[in-house]
Structure formats: C-alpha cells, structure tokens
N, C-alpha and C. Protein backbone atom coordinates (compact mmCIF):
# COMPACT_ATOMS: atom_id res chain seq x y z
N MET A 1 0.67 -1.11 -0.05
CA MET A 1 0.03 0.10 0.10
C MET A 1 0.98 1.51 -0.02
N GLY A 2 0.83 2.16 -1.14
CA GLY A 2 1.59 3.08 -0.80
C GLY A 2 0.35 4.55 -0.98
N THR A 3 1.26 5.78 -0.88
CA THR A 3 0.55 6.58 -0.46
C THR A 3 0.28 7.51 -1.83
N ASP A 4 -1.03 8.26 -2.43
CA ASP A 4 -1.11 8.66 -3.63
C ASP A 4 -0.27 10.38 -3.32
N PRO A 5 1.05 10.33 -4.13
CA PRO A 5 1.69 11.70 -3.84
C PRO A 5 1.02 12.93 -4.48
N SER A 6 -0.34 12.73 -5.22
CA SER A 6 -1.06 13.79 -6.11
C SER A 6 -2.04 14.18 -4.74
N ILE A 7 -1.87 13.47 -4.03
CA ILE A 7 -2.94 13.68 -2.51
C ILE A 7 -2.06 15.05 -1.54
N ARG A 8 -2.06 16.04 -1.45
CA ARG A 8 -1.42 17.00 -0.39
C ARG A 8 -2.09 17.16 0.84
N SER A 9 -1.08 17.17 2.13
CA SER A 9 -1.88 17.50 2.98
C SER A 9 -1.80 19.13 3.63
N TYR A 10 -1.63 19.67 2.49
CA TYR A 10 -1.52 21.21 2.94
C TYR A 10 -2.01 21.81 1.73
N ALA A 11 -2.12 23.52 1.72
CA ALA A 11 -2.42 24.34 0.41
C ALA A 11 -1.57 25.53 0.82
N ALA A 12 -0.93 26.06 -0.23
CA ALA A 12 -0.41 27.51 0.11
C ALA A 12 -1.25 28.32 -0.82
N PHE A 13 -1.55 30.19 0.03
CA PHE A 13 -2.39 30.63 -0.94
C PHE A 13 -2.25 32.08 -0.72
N GLU A 14 -2.51 33.13 -1.34
CA GLU A 14 -2.30 34.06 -0.96
C GLU A 14 -3.79 34.73 -0.66
N ALA A 15 -4.03 36.09 0.02
CA ALA A 15 -5.48 36.10 0.89
C ALA A 15 -5.61 37.46 0.91
N ASP A 16 -6.61 38.45 0.36
CA ASP A 16 -6.92 39.59 0.89
C ASP A 16 -7.83 40.29 1.28
N PHE A 17 -7.17 39.64 2.82
CA PHE A 17 -7.99 40.10 4.00
C PHE A 17 -7.50 41.09 4.78
N PRO A 18 -8.25 41.99 5.29
CA PRO A 18 -7.75 43.14 6.37
C PRO A 18 -6.47 42.56 7.52
N GLU A 19 -5.46 42.68 7.66
CA GLU A 19 -4.78 41.74 8.45
C GLU A 19 -3.93 42.71 9.35
N GLU A 20 -3.87 42.76 10.65
CA GLU A 20 -3.28 43.61 11.49
C GLU A 20 -1.69 43.10 11.49
N GLY A 21 -1.41 41.82 11.50
CA GLY A 21 -0.14 41.09 11.85
C GLY A 21 -0.19 40.46 13.18
N VAL A 22 0.87 40.27 13.55
CA VAL A 22 1.05 39.49 15.06
C VAL A 22 0.71 40.92 16.03
N VAL A 23 -0.32 40.54 17.12
CA VAL A 23 -0.68 41.51 18.14
C VAL A 23 0.12 40.82 19.44
N VAL A 24 0.64 41.81 20.16
CA VAL A 24 1.18 41.38 21.77
C VAL A 24 -0.02 41.55 22.72
N ALA A 25 -0.17 40.63 23.44
CA ALA A 25 -1.20 41.28 24.48
C ALA A 25 -0.80 41.50 25.52
N ALA A 26 -1.61 42.14 26.38
CA ALA A 26 -1.07 42.70 27.63
C ALA A 26 -0.23 41.96 28.56
N ASP A 27 -0.26 40.74 28.54
CA ASP A 27 0.29 39.74 29.30
C ASP A 27 1.57 39.12 28.59
N GLY A 28 1.89 39.95 27.45
CA GLY A 28 3.32 39.30 26.29
C GLY A 28 2.81 38.47 25.75
N ALA A 29 1.56 37.61 25.43
CA ALA A 29 1.45 36.61 24.78
C ALA A 29 1.45 36.92 23.33
N GLU A 30 1.58 36.37 22.31
CA GLU A 30 1.65 36.48 21.12
C GLU A 30 0.44 36.08 20.28
N ILE A 31 -0.23 37.13 19.67
CA ILE A 31 -1.75 36.62 19.25
C ILE A 31 -1.19 37.08 17.47
N PRO A 32 -1.21 35.52 17.04
CA PRO A 32 -1.16 35.25 15.37
C PRO A 32 -1.90 36.10 14.52
N ALA A 33 -1.43 36.07 13.29
CA ALA A 33 -2.39 36.78 12.55
C ALA A 33 -3.35 35.95 11.59
N GLY A 34 -4.12 36.17 10.75
CA GLY A 34 -5.04 34.96 10.37
C GLY A 34 -6.18 34.31 10.91
N ARG A 35 -6.61 34.85 11.94
CA ARG A 35 -8.24 34.70 12.67
C ARG A 35 -9.07 34.79 11.60
N PRO A 36 -9.20 36.23 10.86
CA PRO A 36 -10.39 36.28 9.88
C PRO A 36 -10.47 35.12 9.00
N ILE A 37 -8.89 34.70 8.36
CA ILE A 37 -9.16 33.95 7.01
C ILE A 37 -9.38 32.65 7.79
N ALA A 38 -9.40 32.37 8.78
CA ALA A 38 -9.61 30.73 9.27
C ALA A 38 -10.96 30.90 9.60
N GLU A 39 -11.42 31.86 10.30
CA GLU A 39 -12.71 31.92 10.36
C GLU A 39 -13.74 31.72 9.02
N HIS A 40 -13.44 32.38 8.09
CA HIS A 40 -14.00 32.39 6.71
C HIS A 40 -13.91 30.95 6.24
N LEU A 41 -12.52 30.35 6.06
CA LEU A 41 -12.69 29.20 5.78
C LEU A 41 -13.41 28.03 6.62
N ARG A 42 -13.81 27.94 7.96
CA ARG A 42 -14.47 27.28 8.94
C ARG A 42 -15.78 27.54 8.30
N ALA A 43 -16.40 28.66 7.87
CA ALA A 43 -17.72 29.11 7.79
C ALA A 43 -18.03 28.47 6.71
N ALA A 44 -17.58 28.48 5.85
CA ALA A 44 -17.32 28.08 3.94
C ALA A 44 -17.61 26.47 4.30
N LEU A 45 -16.86 25.53 5.19
CA LEU A 45 -17.09 24.27 5.48
C LEU A 45 -18.45 24.19 6.19
N GLU A 46 -18.20 24.74 7.16
CA GLU A 46 -19.80 24.59 7.65
C GLU A 46 -21.16 24.72 6.68
N ALA A 47 -20.98 25.87 5.74
CA ALA A 47 -22.13 26.31 5.29
C ALA A 47 -22.40 24.92 4.10
N GLU A 48 -21.37 24.14 3.81
CA GLU A 48 -21.53 23.05 2.59
C GLU A 48 -21.94 22.02 3.71
N GLY A 49 -22.27 21.98 4.64
CA GLY A 49 -22.85 21.08 5.91
C GLY A 49 -22.28 20.05 6.23
N LEU A 50 -20.97 20.51 6.94
CA LEU A 50 -19.82 19.60 7.53
C LEU A 50 -19.94 20.28 8.88
N SER A 51 -19.88 19.25 9.87
CA SER A 51 -19.43 19.46 11.15
C SER A 51 -18.22 20.18 11.66
N VAL A 52 -18.17 21.39 12.41
CA VAL A 52 -16.79 22.02 12.17
C VAL A 52 -16.77 22.74 14.05
N SER A 53 -15.38 22.73 14.32
CA SER A 53 -15.42 23.15 15.80
C SER A 53 -15.08 24.74 15.80
N GLU A 54 -14.91 25.36 16.61
CA GLU A 54 -14.83 26.53 16.73
C GLU A 54 -13.23 26.63 16.46
N THR A 55 -12.63 28.16 16.04
CA THR A 55 -12.20 28.23 15.82
C THR A 55 -10.84 28.21 17.20
N TYR A 56 -9.83 27.75 17.11
CA TYR A 56 -8.74 28.21 18.41
C TYR A 56 -7.31 28.29 18.10
N GLN A 57 -6.54 29.43 18.99
CA GLN A 57 -5.24 30.11 18.84
C GLN A 57 -4.50 28.34 18.79
N HIS A 58 -3.39 28.22 17.81
CA HIS A 58 -2.64 26.90 17.95
C HIS A 58 -1.18 27.45 18.47
N SER A 59 -0.88 27.74 19.68
CA SER A 59 0.07 28.18 19.70
C SER A 59 0.27 29.45 19.59
N PHE A 60 1.72 30.06 19.30
CA PHE A 60 1.84 31.64 18.80
C PHE A 60 1.70 31.97 17.47
N TYR A 61 1.52 30.59 16.83
CA TYR A 61 1.81 31.08 15.23
C TYR A 61 0.63 30.65 14.39
N GLY A 62 -0.60 30.21 14.86
CA GLY A 62 -1.63 29.65 13.87
C GLY A 62 -2.83 29.54 14.65
N TRP A 63 -3.54 29.46 13.43
CA TRP A 63 -5.27 29.46 14.19
C TRP A 63 -5.74 28.07 13.55
N ALA A 64 -6.62 27.09 14.47
CA ALA A 64 -6.71 25.68 14.16
C ALA A 64 -8.60 25.43 14.66
N PHE A 65 -9.05 24.39 13.52
CA PHE A 65 -10.30 23.91 13.89
C PHE A 65 -10.35 22.63 13.53
N ASP A 66 -11.52 21.86 13.46
CA ASP A 66 -11.45 20.36 13.23
C ASP A 66 -12.69 20.23 12.48
N VAL A 67 -12.59 19.40 11.27
CA VAL A 67 -13.57 19.01 10.53
C VAL A 67 -14.10 17.41 10.79
N ARG A 68 -15.37 17.47 10.83
CA ARG A 68 -15.87 16.00 10.56
C ARG A 68 -16.20 15.42 9.42
N PHE A 69 -15.85 14.46 8.99
CA PHE A 69 -16.61 13.79 7.84
C PHE A 69 -16.66 12.56 8.20
N GLY A 70 -18.05 12.20 8.75
CA GLY A 70 -18.53 10.93 9.08
C GLY A 70 -17.79 10.58 10.43
N PRO A 71 -17.00 9.44 10.43
CA PRO A 71 -16.49 9.24 11.52
C PRO A 71 -14.80 9.54 11.19
N VAL A 72 -14.61 10.20 10.54
CA VAL A 72 -13.35 10.82 10.63
C VAL A 72 -13.31 12.41 10.88
N THR A 73 -12.30 12.84 11.66
CA THR A 73 -11.90 14.44 12.01
C THR A 73 -10.97 14.44 11.39
N VAL A 74 -10.90 15.81 10.89
CA VAL A 74 -9.70 16.28 10.33
C VAL A 74 -9.01 17.57 10.97
N TRP A 75 -7.84 17.81 11.47
CA TRP A 75 -7.41 19.13 12.36
C TRP A 75 -6.91 19.58 11.17
N CYS A 76 -7.33 21.17 11.00
CA CYS A 76 -7.10 22.14 9.94
C CYS A 76 -6.19 23.04 10.56
N MET A 77 -4.83 23.72 10.41
CA MET A 77 -4.44 24.54 11.01
C MET A 77 -3.91 25.39 9.68
N LEU A 78 -4.04 26.85 9.73
CA LEU A 78 -3.60 27.95 9.39
C LEU A 78 -2.67 28.76 9.90
N GLN A 79 -1.47 28.78 9.18
CA GLN A 79 -0.23 29.84 9.57
C GLN A 79 0.19 30.73 8.47
N CYS A 80 1.02 31.60 8.62
CA CYS A 80 1.32 32.44 7.90
C CYS A 80 2.99 32.77 7.72
N PRO A 81 3.99 31.30 7.26
CA PRO A 81 5.10 31.97 7.62
C PRO A 81 5.75 32.94 6.41
N ASP A 82 5.14 32.67 4.97
CA ASP A 82 5.42 33.77 4.44
C ASP A 82 4.25 33.89 3.14
N GLN A 83 3.86 32.60 2.63
CA GLN A 83 2.63 32.78 2.18
C GLN A 83 1.54 32.33 3.24
N TRP A 84 0.30 32.18 3.05
CA TRP A 84 -1.00 31.83 3.92
C TRP A 84 -0.28 29.99 3.50
N LEU A 85 -0.80 29.32 4.66
CA LEU A 85 -0.39 27.68 4.65
C LEU A 85 -1.38 27.04 5.43
N LEU A 86 -2.17 26.50 4.73
CA LEU A 86 -3.39 25.61 5.59
C LEU A 86 -2.61 24.13 5.48
N ILE A 87 -2.65 23.37 7.07
CA ILE A 87 -2.00 22.22 6.77
C ILE A 87 -3.31 21.16 7.75
N THR A 88 -3.33 20.13 6.82
CA THR A 88 -4.47 19.25 7.59
C THR A 88 -4.00 17.91 7.59
N GLU A 89 -4.56 17.31 8.79
CA GLU A 89 -3.91 16.11 9.33
C GLU A 89 -5.06 15.47 9.83
N VAL A 90 -4.94 13.95 9.51
CA VAL A 90 -6.54 13.20 10.31
C VAL A 90 -5.25 12.50 11.36
N PRO A 91 -5.70 12.70 12.62
CA PRO A 91 -4.76 12.18 13.75
C PRO A 91 -5.41 10.97 13.89
N GLY A 92 -4.41 10.15 14.80
CA GLY A 92 -4.93 8.67 14.95
C GLY A 92 -3.55 8.02 14.68
N ARG A 93 -3.93 6.70 15.06
CA ARG A 93 -2.70 5.96 15.00
C ARG A 93 -2.57 5.51 13.66
N PHE A 94 -1.25 5.29 13.30
CA PHE A 94 -0.78 4.92 11.65
C PHE A 94 -1.44 3.51 11.51
N ILE A 95 -1.53 2.63 11.93
CA ILE A 95 -2.00 1.35 11.50
C ILE A 95 -3.36 1.56 11.36
N ASP A 96 -4.17 2.35 12.38
CA ASP A 96 -5.35 2.38 11.99
C ASP A 96 -5.66 3.26 10.44
N ARG A 97 -5.07 4.44 10.68
CA ARG A 97 -5.29 4.99 8.98
C ARG A 97 -5.24 3.99 7.69
N LEU A 98 -3.67 2.96 8.05
CA LEU A 98 -3.59 1.98 6.87
C LEU A 98 -4.60 1.09 6.54
N PHE A 99 -5.62 0.75 7.59
CA PHE A 99 -6.56 -0.32 7.27
C PHE A 99 -7.54 0.40 6.98
N ARG A 100 -8.00 1.88 7.18
CA ARG A 100 -9.21 2.57 6.61
C ARG A 100 -9.50 2.58 5.41
C-alpha cells in the first residue's frame, strides 16, 4: 500500500483580507494574524454541511479548527510563514489509518 503523491496535506495561498499582523497582548502573549481567514474557511465548510469546531489559537503562530467527515475528524491549522499555509492532518494511529 502506497500513498498517492497527488494528495497533499497542505495548501499554500495568498488572501486579500485586512490583517493587522501579530499582536502582543498585555500579558506578553503573541496572538498571530490570520483569524479572519481561518473563520472564513471554517464558515465555508460549515455552509457545505460539515461539522466544524470553533476556531482556536494554535500556539503562538496559527489558528486551528477540526472538521468532521462522518467517522473521521480532520485537524486544520492556518499559519503564515511567508504565504498562508493551511495544513491538514487526520490524527490517530498510523496502523488504524492504514486499514481504513
């Protein structure tokens, strides 16, 4: 069993959303840019009838949400190292994914 190399677990893109960049909160915590884009992606998936969690900050560099496709949950994380980068991952044990 091999992995199809045409299936990617990420997408790099540019977006024309008003952004203020990284914000430093009063307590010194960094709040990354990108929340409006993550919220837009989340709302678009939800509009398609998918079950989507709330958007939450992932560490100091991104925003994440979970999308449920039947029995499978896909973790999605948006960050901006240069271009916007949306990374997806199906959490779980490797052996379970092999036999799905």
